[in-house]
Amino acid sequence: MAYLTDRKRAEGRGAARAGTEHHIAMMISSAALVVLVVLFVAAVVPVIGAPYEAVAAHFARPFPAIVTALLLVAGFHHFRGGVQVMIEDYVHGMTRKALIVLMILVSYGAMATGLYAVARLAL
């Protein structure tokens, strides 16, 4: 039988044993999004208002396609983490678990759809 104080049990674990890792992951993804949004705007501005053929030819080049794909992955990863925290804070019981699973499915589904669209344009 171990006699641990409350402080000793909580040491290094945060409130839910993963708060620090989640915060660091959100900070990294937000920093990546700052850079990727700037690159995405620079990659997309030349084809705003262009016909479909010109946009498809532009996204057939590696830089715009890769930047767009990375933006989609980082954006939906950041979205998933943020919405999960919101659900954990404001919803309780089995509804919480169901909404988290649904939100993860929607996030990865939207990410896959966006990546499929970029791949169709790029190839």
PDB file of N, CA and C in Angstrom:
ATOM      1  N   MET A   1       0.835  -1.162   0.000  1.00  0.00           N
ATOM      2  CA  MET A   1       0.000   0.000   0.000  1.00  0.00           C
ATOM      3  C   MET A   1       0.890   1.238   0.000  1.00  0.00           C
ATOM      4  N   ALA A   2       0.675   2.109  -0.945  1.00  0.00           N
ATOM      5  CA  ALA A   2       1.496   3.302  -1.077  1.00  0.00           C
ATOM      6  C   ALA A   2       0.782   4.495  -0.454  1.00  0.00           C
ATOM      7  N   TYR A   3       1.514   5.233   0.331  1.00  0.00           N
ATOM      8  CA  TYR A   3       0.961   6.433   0.939  1.00  0.00           C
ATOM      9  C   TYR A   3       1.534   7.635   0.201  1.00  0.00           C
ATOM     10  N   LEU A   4       0.764   8.128  -0.754  1.00  0.00           N
ATOM     11  CA  LEU A   4       1.201   9.274  -1.537  1.00  0.00           C
ATOM     12  C   LEU A   4       0.378  10.496  -1.171  1.00  0.00           C
ATOM     13  N   THR A   5       1.059  11.610  -1.114  1.00  0.00           N
ATOM     14  CA  THR A   5       0.328  12.851  -0.884  1.00  0.00           C
ATOM     15  C   THR A   5      -0.358  13.268  -2.183  1.00  0.00           C
ATOM     16  N   ASP A   6      -1.306  14.178  -2.055  1.00  0.00           N
ATOM     17  CA  ASP A   6      -1.988  14.676  -3.243  1.00  0.00           C
ATOM     18  C   ASP A   6      -1.005  15.320  -4.214  1.00  0.00           C
ATOM     19  N   ARG A   7      -0.053  16.041  -3.687  1.00  0.00           N
ATOM     20  CA  ARG A   7       0.945  16.690  -4.537  1.00  0.00           C
ATOM     21  C   ARG A   7       1.773  15.658  -5.293  1.00  0.00           C
ATOM     22  N   LYS A   8       2.180  14.604  -4.631  1.00  0.00           N
ATOM     23  CA  LYS A   8       3.009  13.580  -5.261  1.00  0.00           C
ATOM     24  C   LYS A   8       2.236  12.849  -6.359  1.00  0.00           C
ATOM     25  N   ARG A   9       0.939  12.595  -6.153  1.00  0.00           N
ATOM     26  CA  ARG A   9       0.119  11.937  -7.167  1.00  0.00           C
ATOM     27  C   ARG A   9      -0.063  12.823  -8.391  1.00  0.00           C
ATOM     28  N   ALA A  10      -0.160  14.130  -8.190  1.00  0.00           N
ATOM     29  CA  ALA A  10      -0.458  15.054  -9.280  1.00  0.00           C
ATOM     30  C   ALA A  10       0.792  15.571  -9.981  1.00  0.00           C
ATOM     31  N   GLU A  11       1.940  15.344  -9.435  1.00  0.00           N
ATOM     32  CA  GLU A  11       3.166  15.904  -9.965  1.00  0.00           C
ATOM     33  C   GLU A  11       3.431  15.452 -11.398  1.00  0.00           C
ATOM     34  N   GLY A  12       3.580  16.412 -12.292  1.00  0.00           N
ATOM     35  CA  GLY A  12       3.911  16.119 -13.684  1.00  0.00           C
ATOM     36  C   GLY A  12       2.762  15.625 -14.523  1.00  0.00           C
ATOM     37  N   ARG A  13       1.561  15.603 -13.998  1.00  0.00           N
ATOM     38  CA  ARG A  13       0.446  15.046 -14.742  1.00  0.00           C
ATOM     39  C   ARG A  13      -0.536  16.101 -15.240  1.00  0.00           C
ATOM     40  N   GLY A  14      -0.511  17.279 -14.719  1.00  0.00           N
ATOM     41  CA  GLY A  14      -1.495  18.283 -15.102  1.00  0.00           C
ATOM     42  C   GLY A  14      -2.861  17.886 -14.584  1.00  0.00           C
ATOM     43  N   ALA A  15      -3.882  18.625 -14.970  1.00  0.00           N
ATOM     44  CA  ALA A  15      -5.218  18.374 -14.462  1.00  0.00           C
ATOM     45  C   ALA A  15      -5.790  17.061 -14.980  1.00  0.00           C
ATOM     46  N   ALA A  16      -5.496  16.716 -16.238  1.00  0.00           N
ATOM     47  CA  ALA A  16      -6.044  15.498 -16.819  1.00  0.00           C
ATOM     48  C   ALA A  16      -4.943  14.579 -17.335  1.00  0.00           C
ATOM     49  N   ARG A  17      -3.758  14.769 -16.844  1.00  0.00           N
ATOM     50  CA  ARG A  17      -2.590  13.967 -17.200  1.00  0.00           C
ATOM     51  C   ARG A  17      -2.100  14.179 -18.627  1.00  0.00           C
ATOM     52  N   ALA A  18      -2.683  15.087 -19.380  1.00  0.00           N
ATOM     53  CA  ALA A  18      -2.231  15.322 -20.748  1.00  0.00           C
ATOM     54  C   ALA A  18      -2.383  16.784 -21.142  1.00  0.00           C
ATOM     55  N   GLY A  19      -2.595  17.669 -20.200  1.00  0.00           N
ATOM     56  CA  GLY A  19      -2.834  19.066 -20.521  1.00  0.00           C
ATOM     57  C   GLY A  19      -1.641  19.745 -21.160  1.00  0.00           C
ATOM     58  N   THR A  20      -0.452  19.474 -20.666  1.00  0.00           N
ATOM     59  CA  THR A  20       0.737  20.118 -21.206  1.00  0.00           C
ATOM     60  C   THR A  20       1.006  19.672 -22.627  1.00  0.00           C
ATOM     61  N   GLU A  21       0.888  18.381 -22.881  1.00  0.00           N
ATOM     62  CA  GLU A  21       1.138  17.890 -24.238  1.00  0.00           C
ATOM     63  C   GLU A  21       0.135  18.460 -25.223  1.00  0.00           C
ATOM     64  N   HIS A  22      -1.116  18.561 -24.808  1.00  0.00           N
ATOM     65  CA  HIS A  22      -2.147  19.112 -25.682  1.00  0.00           C
ATOM     66  C   HIS A  22      -1.874  20.587 -25.963  1.00  0.00           C
ATOM     67  N   HIS A  23      -1.492  21.324 -24.944  1.00  0.00           N
ATOM     68  CA  HIS A  23      -1.196  22.742 -25.123  1.00  0.00           C
ATOM     69  C   HIS A  23      -0.018  22.932 -26.079  1.00  0.00           C
ATOM     70  N   ILE A  24       1.030  22.154 -25.909  1.00  0.00           N
ATOM     71  CA  ILE A  24       2.198  22.266 -26.785  1.00  0.00           C
ATOM     72  C   ILE A  24       1.831  21.886 -28.215  1.00  0.00           C
ATOM     73  N   ALA A  25       1.023  20.828 -28.391  1.00  0.00           N
ATOM     74  CA  ALA A  25       0.592  20.438 -29.742  1.00  0.00           C
ATOM     75  C   ALA A  25      -0.226  21.539 -30.399  1.00  0.00           C
ATOM     76  N   MET A  26      -1.097  22.190 -29.634  1.00  0.00           N
ATOM     77  CA  MET A  26      -1.896  23.284 -30.197  1.00  0.00           C
ATOM     78  C   MET A  26      -1.014  24.481 -30.534  1.00  0.00           C
ATOM     79  N   MET A  27      -0.021  24.774 -29.736  1.00  0.00           N
ATOM     80  CA  MET A  27       0.885  25.885 -30.024  1.00  0.00           C
ATOM     81  C   MET A  27       1.716  25.603 -31.279  1.00  0.00           C
ATOM     82  N   ILE A  28       2.170  24.370 -31.441  1.00  0.00           N
ATOM     83  CA  ILE A  28       2.949  24.015 -32.624  1.00  0.00           C
ATOM     84  C   ILE A  28       2.080  24.077 -33.876  1.00  0.00           C
ATOM     85  N   SER A  29       0.860  23.541 -33.788  1.00  0.00           N
ATOM     86  CA  SER A  29      -0.004  23.574 -34.969  1.00  0.00           C
ATOM     87  C   SER A  29      -0.430  24.995 -35.309  1.00  0.00           C
ATOM     88  N   SER A  30      -0.614  25.857 -34.306  1.00  0.00           N
ATOM     89  CA  SER A  30      -0.970  27.242 -34.615  1.00  0.00           C
ATOM     90  C   SER A  30       0.208  27.986 -35.231  1.00  0.00           C
ATOM     91  N   ALA A  31       1.418  27.716 -34.787  1.00  0.00           N
ATOM     92  CA  ALA A  31       2.599  28.337 -35.403  1.00  0.00           C
ATOM     93  C   ALA A  31       2.772  27.854 -36.841  1.00  0.00           C
ATOM     94  N   ALA A  32       2.535  26.565 -37.060  1.00  0.00           N
ATOM     95  CA  ALA A  32       2.615  26.031 -38.427  1.00  0.00           C
ATOM     96  C   ALA A  32       1.545  26.659 -39.306  1.00  0.00           C
ATOM     97  N   LEU A  33       0.362  26.876 -38.757  1.00  0.00           N
ATOM     98  CA  LEU A  33      -0.714  27.484 -39.533  1.00  0.00           C
ATOM     99  C   LEU A  33      -0.405  28.927 -39.909  1.00  0.00           C
ATOM    100  N   VAL A  34       0.275  29.659 -39.047  1.00  0.00           N
ATOM    101  CA  VAL A  34       0.650  31.037 -39.385  1.00  0.00           C
ATOM    102  C   VAL A  34       1.521  31.049 -40.640  1.00  0.00           C
ATOM    103  N   VAL A  35       2.520  30.189 -40.667  1.00  0.00           N
ATOM    104  CA  VAL A  35       3.418  30.112 -41.818  1.00  0.00           C
ATOM    105  C   VAL A  35       2.676  29.585 -43.047  1.00  0.00           C
ATOM    106  N   LEU A  36       1.884  28.538 -42.871  1.00  0.00           N
ATOM    107  CA  LEU A  36       1.202  27.922 -44.004  1.00  0.00           C
ATOM    108  C   LEU A  36       0.133  28.818 -44.618  1.00  0.00           C
ATOM    109  N   VAL A  37      -0.548  29.612 -43.805  1.00  0.00           N
ATOM    110  CA  VAL A  37      -1.561  30.515 -44.356  1.00  0.00           C
ATOM    111  C   VAL A  37      -0.895  31.580 -45.223  1.00  0.00           C
ATOM    112  N   VAL A  38       0.240  32.103 -44.781  1.00  0.00           N
ATOM    113  CA  VAL A  38       0.963  33.085 -45.586  1.00  0.00           C
ATOM    114  C   VAL A  38       1.419  32.454 -46.908  1.00  0.00           C
ATOM    115  N   LEU A  39       1.969  31.252 -46.846  1.00  0.00           N
ATOM    116  CA  LEU A  39       2.397  30.565 -48.073  1.00  0.00           C
ATOM    117  C   LEU A  39       1.205  30.230 -48.969  1.00  0.00           C
ATOM    118  N   PHE A  40       0.086  29.839 -48.369  1.00  0.00           N
ATOM    119  CA  PHE A  40      -1.102  29.511 -49.144  1.00  0.00           C
ATOM    120  C   PHE A  40      -1.632  30.742 -49.871  1.00  0.00           C
ATOM    121  N   VAL A  41      -1.678  31.853 -49.188  1.00  0.00           N
ATOM    122  CA  VAL A  41      -2.144  33.089 -49.831  1.00  0.00           C
ATOM    123  C   VAL A  41      -1.215  33.450 -50.984  1.00  0.00           C
ATOM    124  N   ALA A  42       0.088  33.326 -50.774  1.00  0.00           N
ATOM    125  CA  ALA A  42       1.047  33.623 -51.843  1.00  0.00           C
ATOM    126  C   ALA A  42       0.899  32.653 -53.009  1.00  0.00           C
ATOM    127  N   ALA A  43       0.519  31.425 -52.733  1.00  0.00           N
ATOM    128  CA  ALA A  43       0.385  30.422 -53.792  1.00  0.00           C
ATOM    129  C   ALA A  43      -0.929  30.554 -54.547  1.00  0.00           C
ATOM    130  N   VAL A  44      -1.969  31.070 -53.900  1.00  0.00           N
ATOM    131  CA  VAL A  44      -3.295  31.093 -54.515  1.00  0.00           C
ATOM    132  C   VAL A  44      -3.626  32.430 -55.173  1.00  0.00           C
ATOM    133  N   VAL A  45      -3.033  33.521 -54.708  1.00  0.00           N
ATOM    134  CA  VAL A  45      -3.351  34.848 -55.250  1.00  0.00           C
ATOM    135  C   VAL A  45      -3.182  34.925 -56.772  1.00  0.00           C
ATOM    136  N   PRO A  46      -2.154  34.324 -57.367  1.00  0.00           N
ATOM    137  CA  PRO A  46      -2.003  34.449 -58.824  1.00  0.00           C
ATOM    138  C   PRO A  46      -3.156  33.844 -59.640  1.00  0.00           C
ATOM    139  N   VAL A  47      -3.943  32.945 -59.074  1.00  0.00           N
ATOM    140  CA  VAL A  47      -4.998  32.291 -59.861  1.00  0.00           C
ATOM    141  C   VAL A  47      -6.405  32.689 -59.429  1.00  0.00           C
ATOM    142  N   ILE A  48      -6.514  33.717 -58.613  1.00  0.00           N
ATOM    143  CA  ILE A  48      -7.850  34.168 -58.214  1.00  0.00           C
ATOM    144  C   ILE A  48      -8.545  34.752 -59.442  1.00  0.00           C
ATOM    145  N   GLY A  49      -9.718  34.248 -59.736  1.00  0.00           N
ATOM    146  CA  GLY A  49     -10.500  34.713 -60.874  1.00  0.00           C
ATOM    147  C   GLY A  49     -10.122  34.078 -62.196  1.00  0.00           C
ATOM    148  N   ALA A  50      -9.163  33.168 -62.182  1.00  0.00           N
ATOM    149  CA  ALA A  50      -8.733  32.507 -63.419  1.00  0.00           C
ATOM    150  C   ALA A  50      -9.697  31.372 -63.757  1.00  0.00           C
ATOM    151  N   PRO A  51      -9.757  30.976 -65.017  1.00  0.00           N
ATOM    152  CA  PRO A  51     -10.620  29.844 -65.375  1.00  0.00           C
ATOM    153  C   PRO A  51     -10.090  28.529 -64.788  1.00  0.00           C
ATOM    154  N   TYR A  52     -10.946  27.508 -64.805  1.00  0.00           N
ATOM    155  CA  TYR A  52     -10.623  26.218 -64.196  1.00  0.00           C
ATOM    156  C   TYR A  52      -9.327  25.634 -64.753  1.00  0.00           C
ATOM    157  N   GLU A  53      -9.125  25.719 -66.060  1.00  0.00           N
ATOM    158  CA  GLU A  53      -7.926  25.137 -66.678  1.00  0.00           C
ATOM    159  C   GLU A  53      -6.653  25.776 -66.130  1.00  0.00           C
ATOM    160  N   ALA A  54      -6.686  27.102 -65.931  1.00  0.00           N
ATOM    161  CA  ALA A  54      -5.515  27.796 -65.395  1.00  0.00           C
ATOM    162  C   ALA A  54      -5.268  27.399 -63.932  1.00  0.00           C
ATOM    163  N   VAL A  55      -6.352  27.260 -63.171  1.00  0.00           N
ATOM    164  CA  VAL A  55      -6.205  26.853 -61.761  1.00  0.00           C
ATOM    165  C   VAL A  55      -5.671  25.428 -61.680  1.00  0.00           C
ATOM    166  N   ALA A  56      -6.194  24.546 -62.508  1.00  0.00           N
ATOM    167  CA  ALA A  56      -5.714  23.157 -62.515  1.00  0.00           C
ATOM    168  C   ALA A  56      -4.240  23.094 -62.916  1.00  0.00           C
ATOM    169  N   ALA A  57      -3.848  23.896 -63.895  1.00  0.00           N
ATOM    170  CA  ALA A  57      -2.435  23.921 -64.307  1.00  0.00           C
ATOM    171  C   ALA A  57      -1.557  24.488 -63.187  1.00  0.00           C
ATOM    172  N   HIS A  58      -2.074  25.486 -62.480  1.00  0.00           N
ATOM    173  CA  HIS A  58      -1.310  26.082 -61.380  1.00  0.00           C
ATOM    174  C   HIS A  58      -1.122  25.065 -60.252  1.00  0.00           C
ATOM    175  N   PHE A  59      -2.173  24.343 -59.894  1.00  0.00           N
ATOM    176  CA  PHE A  59      -2.068  23.362 -58.815  1.00  0.00           C
ATOM    177  C   PHE A  59      -1.377  22.077 -59.250  1.00  0.00           C
ATOM    178  N   ALA A  60      -1.100  21.921 -60.530  1.00  0.00           N
ATOM    179  CA  ALA A  60      -0.321  20.773 -60.988  1.00  0.00           C
ATOM    180  C   ALA A  60       1.156  20.957 -60.637  1.00  0.00           C
ATOM    181  N   ARG A  61       1.545  22.187 -60.333  1.00  0.00           N
ATOM    182  CA  ARG A  61       2.915  22.434 -59.879  1.00  0.00           C
ATOM    183  C   ARG A  61       3.037  21.993 -58.426  1.00  0.00           C
ATOM    184  N   PRO A  62       4.228  21.571 -58.006  1.00  0.00           N
ATOM    185  CA  PRO A  62       4.362  20.998 -56.651  1.00  0.00           C
ATOM    186  C   PRO A  62       4.139  22.001 -55.516  1.00  0.00           C
ATOM    187  N   PHE A  63       4.639  23.235 -55.619  1.00  0.00           N
ATOM    188  CA  PHE A  63       4.566  24.164 -54.487  1.00  0.00           C
ATOM    189  C   PHE A  63       3.136  24.460 -54.048  1.00  0.00           C
ATOM    190  N   PRO A  64       2.235  24.894 -54.956  1.00  0.00           N
ATOM    191  CA  PRO A  64       0.873  25.178 -54.484  1.00  0.00           C
ATOM    192  C   PRO A  64       0.150  23.938 -53.955  1.00  0.00           C
ATOM    193  N   ALA A  65       0.370  22.800 -54.580  1.00  0.00           N
ATOM    194  CA  ALA A  65      -0.311  21.579 -54.140  1.00  0.00           C
ATOM    195  C   ALA A  65       0.184  21.138 -52.765  1.00  0.00           C
ATOM    196  N   ILE A  66       1.482  21.178 -52.539  1.00  0.00           N
ATOM    197  CA  ILE A  66       2.040  20.752 -51.253  1.00  0.00           C
ATOM    198  C   ILE A  66       1.636  21.717 -50.142  1.00  0.00           C
ATOM    199  N   VAL A  67       1.701  23.020 -50.419  1.00  0.00           N
ATOM    200  CA  VAL A  67       1.310  24.009 -49.407  1.00  0.00           C
ATOM    201  C   VAL A  67      -0.166  23.837 -49.037  1.00  0.00           C
ATOM    202  N   THR A  68      -1.016  23.625 -50.039  1.00  0.00           N
ATOM    203  CA  THR A  68      -2.435  23.441 -49.772  1.00  0.00           C
ATOM    204  C   THR A  68      -2.685  22.172 -48.968  1.00  0.00           C
ATOM    205  N   ALA A  69      -2.007  21.090 -49.322  1.00  0.00           N
ATOM    206  CA  ALA A  69      -2.176  19.834 -48.588  1.00  0.00           C
ATOM    207  C   ALA A  69      -1.703  19.977 -47.138  1.00  0.00           C
ATOM    208  N   LEU A  70      -0.565  20.623 -46.937  1.00  0.00           N
ATOM    209  CA  LEU A  70      -0.075  20.823 -45.571  1.00  0.00           C
ATOM    210  C   LEU A  70      -1.007  21.724 -44.765  1.00  0.00           C
ATOM    211  N   LEU A  71      -1.570  22.746 -45.415  1.00  0.00           N
ATOM    212  CA  LEU A  71      -2.519  23.619 -44.737  1.00  0.00           C
ATOM    213  C   LEU A  71      -3.765  22.844 -44.316  1.00  0.00           C
ATOM    214  N   LEU A  72      -4.251  21.973 -45.178  1.00  0.00           N
ATOM    215  CA  LEU A  72      -5.419  21.162 -44.839  1.00  0.00           C
ATOM    216  C   LEU A  72      -5.141  20.248 -43.639  1.00  0.00           C
ATOM    217  N   VAL A  73      -4.009  19.577 -43.665  1.00  0.00           N
ATOM    218  CA  VAL A  73      -3.673  18.649 -42.572  1.00  0.00           C
ATOM    219  C   VAL A  73      -3.497  19.411 -41.257  1.00  0.00           C
ATOM    220  N   ALA A  74      -2.695  20.474 -41.275  1.00  0.00           N
ATOM    221  CA  ALA A  74      -2.461  21.230 -40.040  1.00  0.00           C
ATOM    222  C   ALA A  74      -3.739  21.912 -39.559  1.00  0.00           C
ATOM    223  N   GLY A  75      -4.520  22.439 -40.479  1.00  0.00           N
ATOM    224  CA  GLY A  75      -5.747  23.135 -40.098  1.00  0.00           C
ATOM    225  C   GLY A  75      -6.772  22.226 -39.464  1.00  0.00           C
ATOM    226  N   PHE A  76      -6.998  21.071 -40.066  1.00  0.00           N
ATOM    227  CA  PHE A  76      -7.986  20.166 -39.491  1.00  0.00           C
ATOM    228  C   PHE A  76      -7.475  19.481 -38.232  1.00  0.00           C
ATOM    229  N   HIS A  77      -6.159  19.300 -38.111  1.00  0.00           N
ATOM    230  CA  HIS A  77      -5.611  18.769 -36.860  1.00  0.00           C
ATOM    231  C   HIS A  77      -5.834  19.785 -35.733  1.00  0.00           C
ATOM    232  N   HIS A  78      -5.579  21.040 -36.008  1.00  0.00           N
ATOM    233  CA  HIS A  78      -5.781  22.097 -35.023  1.00  0.00           C
ATOM    234  C   HIS A  78      -7.272  22.236 -34.690  1.00  0.00           C
ATOM    235  N   PHE A  79      -8.118  22.151 -35.695  1.00  0.00           N
ATOM    236  CA  PHE A  79      -9.569  22.204 -35.497  1.00  0.00           C
ATOM    237  C   PHE A  79     -10.034  21.078 -34.580  1.00  0.00           C
ATOM    238  N   ARG A  80      -9.536  19.862 -34.837  1.00  0.00           N
ATOM    239  CA  ARG A  80      -9.931  18.711 -34.028  1.00  0.00           C
ATOM    240  C   ARG A  80      -9.550  18.913 -32.570  1.00  0.00           C
ATOM    241  N   GLY A  81      -8.347  19.400 -32.320  1.00  0.00           N
ATOM    242  CA  GLY A  81      -7.924  19.619 -30.941  1.00  0.00           C
ATOM    243  C   GLY A  81      -8.730  20.699 -30.240  1.00  0.00           C
ATOM    244  N   GLY A  82      -9.017  21.779 -30.944  1.00  0.00           N
ATOM    245  CA  GLY A  82      -9.784  22.867 -30.346  1.00  0.00           C
ATOM    246  C   GLY A  82     -11.222  22.485 -30.051  1.00  0.00           C
ATOM    247  N   VAL A  83     -11.871  21.815 -30.989  1.00  0.00           N
ATOM    248  CA  VAL A  83     -13.261  21.419 -30.771  1.00  0.00           C
ATOM    249  C   VAL A  83     -13.344  20.344 -29.689  1.00  0.00           C
ATOM    250  N   GLN A  84     -12.356  19.485 -29.623  1.00  0.00           N
ATOM    251  CA  GLN A  84     -12.367  18.458 -28.578  1.00  0.00           C
ATOM    252  C   GLN A  84     -12.291  19.102 -27.194  1.00  0.00           C
ATOM    253  N   VAL A  85     -11.450  20.116 -27.042  1.00  0.00           N
ATOM    254  CA  VAL A  85     -11.365  20.806 -25.755  1.00  0.00           C
ATOM    255  C   VAL A  85     -12.694  21.489 -25.431  1.00  0.00           C
ATOM    256  N   MET A  86     -13.309  22.110 -26.432  1.00  0.00           N
ATOM    257  CA  MET A  86     -14.592  22.767 -26.204  1.00  0.00           C
ATOM    258  C   MET A  86     -15.652  21.759 -25.755  1.00  0.00           C
ATOM    259  N   ILE A  87     -15.690  20.605 -26.410  1.00  0.00           N
ATOM    260  CA  ILE A  87     -16.665  19.572 -26.029  1.00  0.00           C
ATOM    261  C   ILE A  87     -16.371  19.063 -24.622  1.00  0.00           C
ATOM    262  N   GLU A  88     -15.104  18.826 -24.306  1.00  0.00           N
ATOM    263  CA  GLU A  88     -14.756  18.340 -22.972  1.00  0.00           C
ATOM    264  C   GLU A  88     -15.132  19.343 -21.888  1.00  0.00           C
ATOM    265  N   ASP A  89     -15.070  20.630 -22.197  1.00  0.00           N
ATOM    266  CA  ASP A  89     -15.386  21.650 -21.193  1.00  0.00           C
ATOM    267  C   ASP A  89     -16.880  21.816 -20.957  1.00  0.00           C
ATOM    268  N   TYR A  90     -17.693  21.644 -21.998  1.00  0.00           N
ATOM    269  CA  TYR A  90     -19.095  22.027 -21.887  1.00  0.00           C
ATOM    270  C   TYR A  90     -20.109  20.886 -22.002  1.00  0.00           C
ATOM    271  N   VAL A  91     -19.681  19.675 -22.344  1.00  0.00           N
ATOM    272  CA  VAL A  91     -20.615  18.558 -22.490  1.00  0.00           C
ATOM    273  C   VAL A  91     -20.188  17.456 -21.527  1.00  0.00           C
ATOM    274  N   HIS A  92     -21.163  16.740 -20.961  1.00  0.00           N
ATOM    275  CA  HIS A  92     -20.853  15.716 -19.969  1.00  0.00           C
ATOM    276  C   HIS A  92     -21.550  14.405 -20.313  1.00  0.00           C
ATOM    277  N   GLY A  93     -21.048  13.324 -19.743  1.00  0.00           N
ATOM    278  CA  GLY A  93     -21.673  12.010 -19.899  1.00  0.00           C
ATOM    279  C   GLY A  93     -21.343  11.359 -21.232  1.00  0.00           C
ATOM    280  N   MET A  94     -22.244  10.469 -21.631  1.00  0.00           N
ATOM    281  CA  MET A  94     -22.053   9.730 -22.883  1.00  0.00           C
ATOM    282  C   MET A  94     -22.133  10.641 -24.101  1.00  0.00           C
ATOM    283  N   THR A  95     -22.854  11.750 -23.974  1.00  0.00           N
ATOM    284  CA  THR A  95     -22.938  12.698 -25.083  1.00  0.00           C
ATOM    285  C   THR A  95     -21.561  13.237 -25.421  1.00  0.00           C
ATOM    286  N   ARG A  96     -20.736  13.447 -24.402  1.00  0.00           N
ATOM    287  CA  ARG A  96     -19.376  13.942 -24.623  1.00  0.00           C
ATOM    288  C   ARG A  96     -18.596  12.967 -25.498  1.00  0.00           C
ATOM    289  N   LYS A  97     -18.625  11.703 -25.141  1.00  0.00           N
ATOM    290  CA  LYS A  97     -17.865  10.706 -25.907  1.00  0.00           C
ATOM    291  C   LYS A  97     -18.380  10.593 -27.334  1.00  0.00           C
ATOM    292  N   ALA A  98     -19.706  10.607 -27.485  1.00  0.00           N
ATOM    293  CA  ALA A  98     -20.289  10.508 -28.823  1.00  0.00           C
ATOM    294  C   ALA A  98     -19.916  11.715 -29.672  1.00  0.00           C
ATOM    295  N   LEU A  99     -19.962  12.903 -29.095  1.00  0.00           N
ATOM    296  CA  LEU A  99     -19.620  14.108 -29.859  1.00  0.00           C
ATOM    297  C   LEU A  99     -18.145  14.152 -30.222  1.00  0.00           C
ATOM    298  N   ILE A 100     -17.286  13.689 -29.326  1.00  0.00           N
ATOM    299  CA  ILE A 100     -15.851  13.666 -29.625  1.00  0.00           C
ATOM    300  C   ILE A 100     -15.570  12.709 -30.772  1.00  0.00           C
ATOM    301  N   VAL A 101     -16.178  11.533 -30.739  1.00  0.00           N
ATOM    302  CA  VAL A 101     -15.982  10.571 -31.837  1.00  0.00           C
ATOM    303  C   VAL A 101     -16.526  11.143 -33.144  1.00  0.00           C
ATOM    304  N   LEU A 102     -17.703  11.748 -33.090  1.00  0.00           N
ATOM    305  CA  LEU A 102     -18.295  12.348 -34.285  1.00  0.00           C
ATOM    306  C   LEU A 102     -17.428  13.474 -34.823  1.00  0.00           C
ATOM    307  N   MET A 103     -16.917  14.311 -33.945  1.00  0.00           N
ATOM    308  CA  MET A 103     -16.076  15.412 -34.361  1.00  0.00           C
ATOM    309  C   MET A 103     -14.773  14.920 -34.979  1.00  0.00           C
ATOM    310  N   ILE A 104     -14.198  13.885 -34.431  1.00  0.00           N
ATOM    311  CA  ILE A 104     -12.970  13.322 -35.011  1.00  0.00           C
ATOM    312  C   ILE A 104     -13.253  12.757 -36.401  1.00  0.00           C
ATOM    313  N   LEU A 105     -14.370  12.065 -36.551  1.00  0.00           N
ATOM    314  CA  LEU A 105     -14.736  11.525 -37.865  1.00  0.00           C
ATOM    315  C   LEU A 105     -14.975  12.642 -38.877  1.00  0.00           C
ATOM    316  N   VAL A 106     -15.659  13.692 -38.465  1.00  0.00           N
ATOM    317  CA  VAL A 106     -15.907  14.820 -39.372  1.00  0.00           C
ATOM    318  C   VAL A 106     -14.596  15.498 -39.748  1.00  0.00           C
ATOM    319  N   SER A 107     -13.722  15.685 -38.776  1.00  0.00           N
ATOM    320  CA  SER A 107     -12.446  16.344 -39.037  1.00  0.00           C
ATOM    321  C   SER A 107     -11.595  15.551 -40.029  1.00  0.00           C
ATOM    322  N   TYR A 108     -11.443  14.253 -39.778  1.00  0.00           N
ATOM    323  CA  TYR A 108     -10.633  13.444 -40.686  1.00  0.00           C
ATOM    324  C   TYR A 108     -11.327  13.245 -42.037  1.00  0.00           C
ATOM    325  N   GLY A 109     -12.647  13.206 -42.034  1.00  0.00           N
ATOM    326  CA  GLY A 109     -13.374  13.112 -43.301  1.00  0.00           C
ATOM    327  C   GLY A 109     -13.189  14.352 -44.154  1.00  0.00           C
ATOM    328  N   ALA A 110     -13.272  15.530 -43.533  1.00  0.00           N
ATOM    329  CA  ALA A 110     -13.060  16.775 -44.271  1.00  0.00           C
ATOM    330  C   ALA A 110     -11.613  16.885 -44.747  1.00  0.00           C
ATOM    331  N   MET A 111     -10.663  16.440 -43.912  1.00  0.00           N
ATOM    332  CA  MET A 111      -9.264  16.455 -44.312  1.00  0.00           C
ATOM    333  C   MET A 111      -9.036  15.538 -45.512  1.00  0.00           C
ATOM    334  N   ALA A 112      -9.611  14.353 -45.477  1.00  0.00           N
ATOM    335  CA  ALA A 112      -9.458  13.411 -46.592  1.00  0.00           C
ATOM    336  C   ALA A 112     -10.107  13.944 -47.858  1.00  0.00           C
ATOM    337  N   THR A 113     -11.267  14.582 -47.727  1.00  0.00           N
ATOM    338  CA  THR A 113     -11.940  15.151 -48.887  1.00  0.00           C
ATOM    339  C   THR A 113     -11.098  16.263 -49.508  1.00  0.00           C
ATOM    340  N   GLY A 114     -10.543  17.118 -48.675  1.00  0.00           N
ATOM    341  CA  GLY A 114      -9.691  18.193 -49.183  1.00  0.00           C
ATOM    342  C   GLY A 114      -8.432  17.673 -49.840  1.00  0.00           C
ATOM    343  N   LEU A 115      -7.808  16.669 -49.232  1.00  0.00           N
ATOM    344  CA  LEU A 115      -6.607  16.085 -49.832  1.00  0.00           C
ATOM    345  C   LEU A 115      -6.926  15.391 -51.153  1.00  0.00           C
ATOM    346  N   TYR A 116      -8.084  14.756 -51.224  1.00  0.00           N
ATOM    347  CA  TYR A 116      -8.510  14.129 -52.474  1.00  0.00           C
ATOM    348  C   TYR A 116      -8.696  15.184 -53.565  1.00  0.00           C
ATOM    349  N   ALA A 117      -9.317  16.310 -53.211  1.00  0.00           N
ATOM    350  CA  ALA A 117      -9.518  17.390 -54.182  1.00  0.00           C
ATOM    351  C   ALA A 117      -8.192  17.965 -54.664  1.00  0.00           C
ATOM    352  N   VAL A 118      -7.251  18.160 -53.754  1.00  0.00           N
ATOM    353  CA  VAL A 118      -5.943  18.678 -54.155  1.00  0.00           C
ATOM    354  C   VAL A 118      -5.220  17.666 -55.033  1.00  0.00           C
ATOM    355  N   ALA A 119      -5.320  16.386 -54.673  1.00  0.00           N
ATOM    356  CA  ALA A 119      -4.662  15.356 -55.485  1.00  0.00           C
ATOM    357  C   ALA A 119      -5.274  15.296 -56.891  1.00  0.00           C
ATOM    358  N   ARG A 120      -6.601  15.453 -56.975  1.00  0.00           N
ATOM    359  CA  ARG A 120      -7.262  15.455 -58.301  1.00  0.00           C
ATOM    360  C   ARG A 120      -6.788  16.629 -59.143  1.00  0.00           C
ATOM    361  N   LEU A 121      -6.619  17.785 -58.510  1.00  0.00           N
ATOM    362  CA  LEU A 121      -6.123  18.958 -59.235  1.00  0.00           C
ATOM    363  C   LEU A 121      -4.669  18.797 -59.619  1.00  0.00           C
ATOM    364  N   ALA A 122      -3.880  18.222 -58.711  1.00  0.00           N
ATOM    365  CA  ALA A 122      -2.431  18.148 -58.937  1.00  0.00           C
ATOM    366  C   ALA A 122      -2.050  17.045 -59.924  1.00  0.00           C
ATOM    367  N   LEU A 123      -2.864  16.036 -60.059  1.00  0.00           N
ATOM    368  CA  LEU A 123      -2.482  14.913 -60.938  1.00  0.00           C
ATOM    369  C   LEU A 123      -3.226  14.920 -62.222  1.00  0.00           C
TER     370      LEU A 123
END
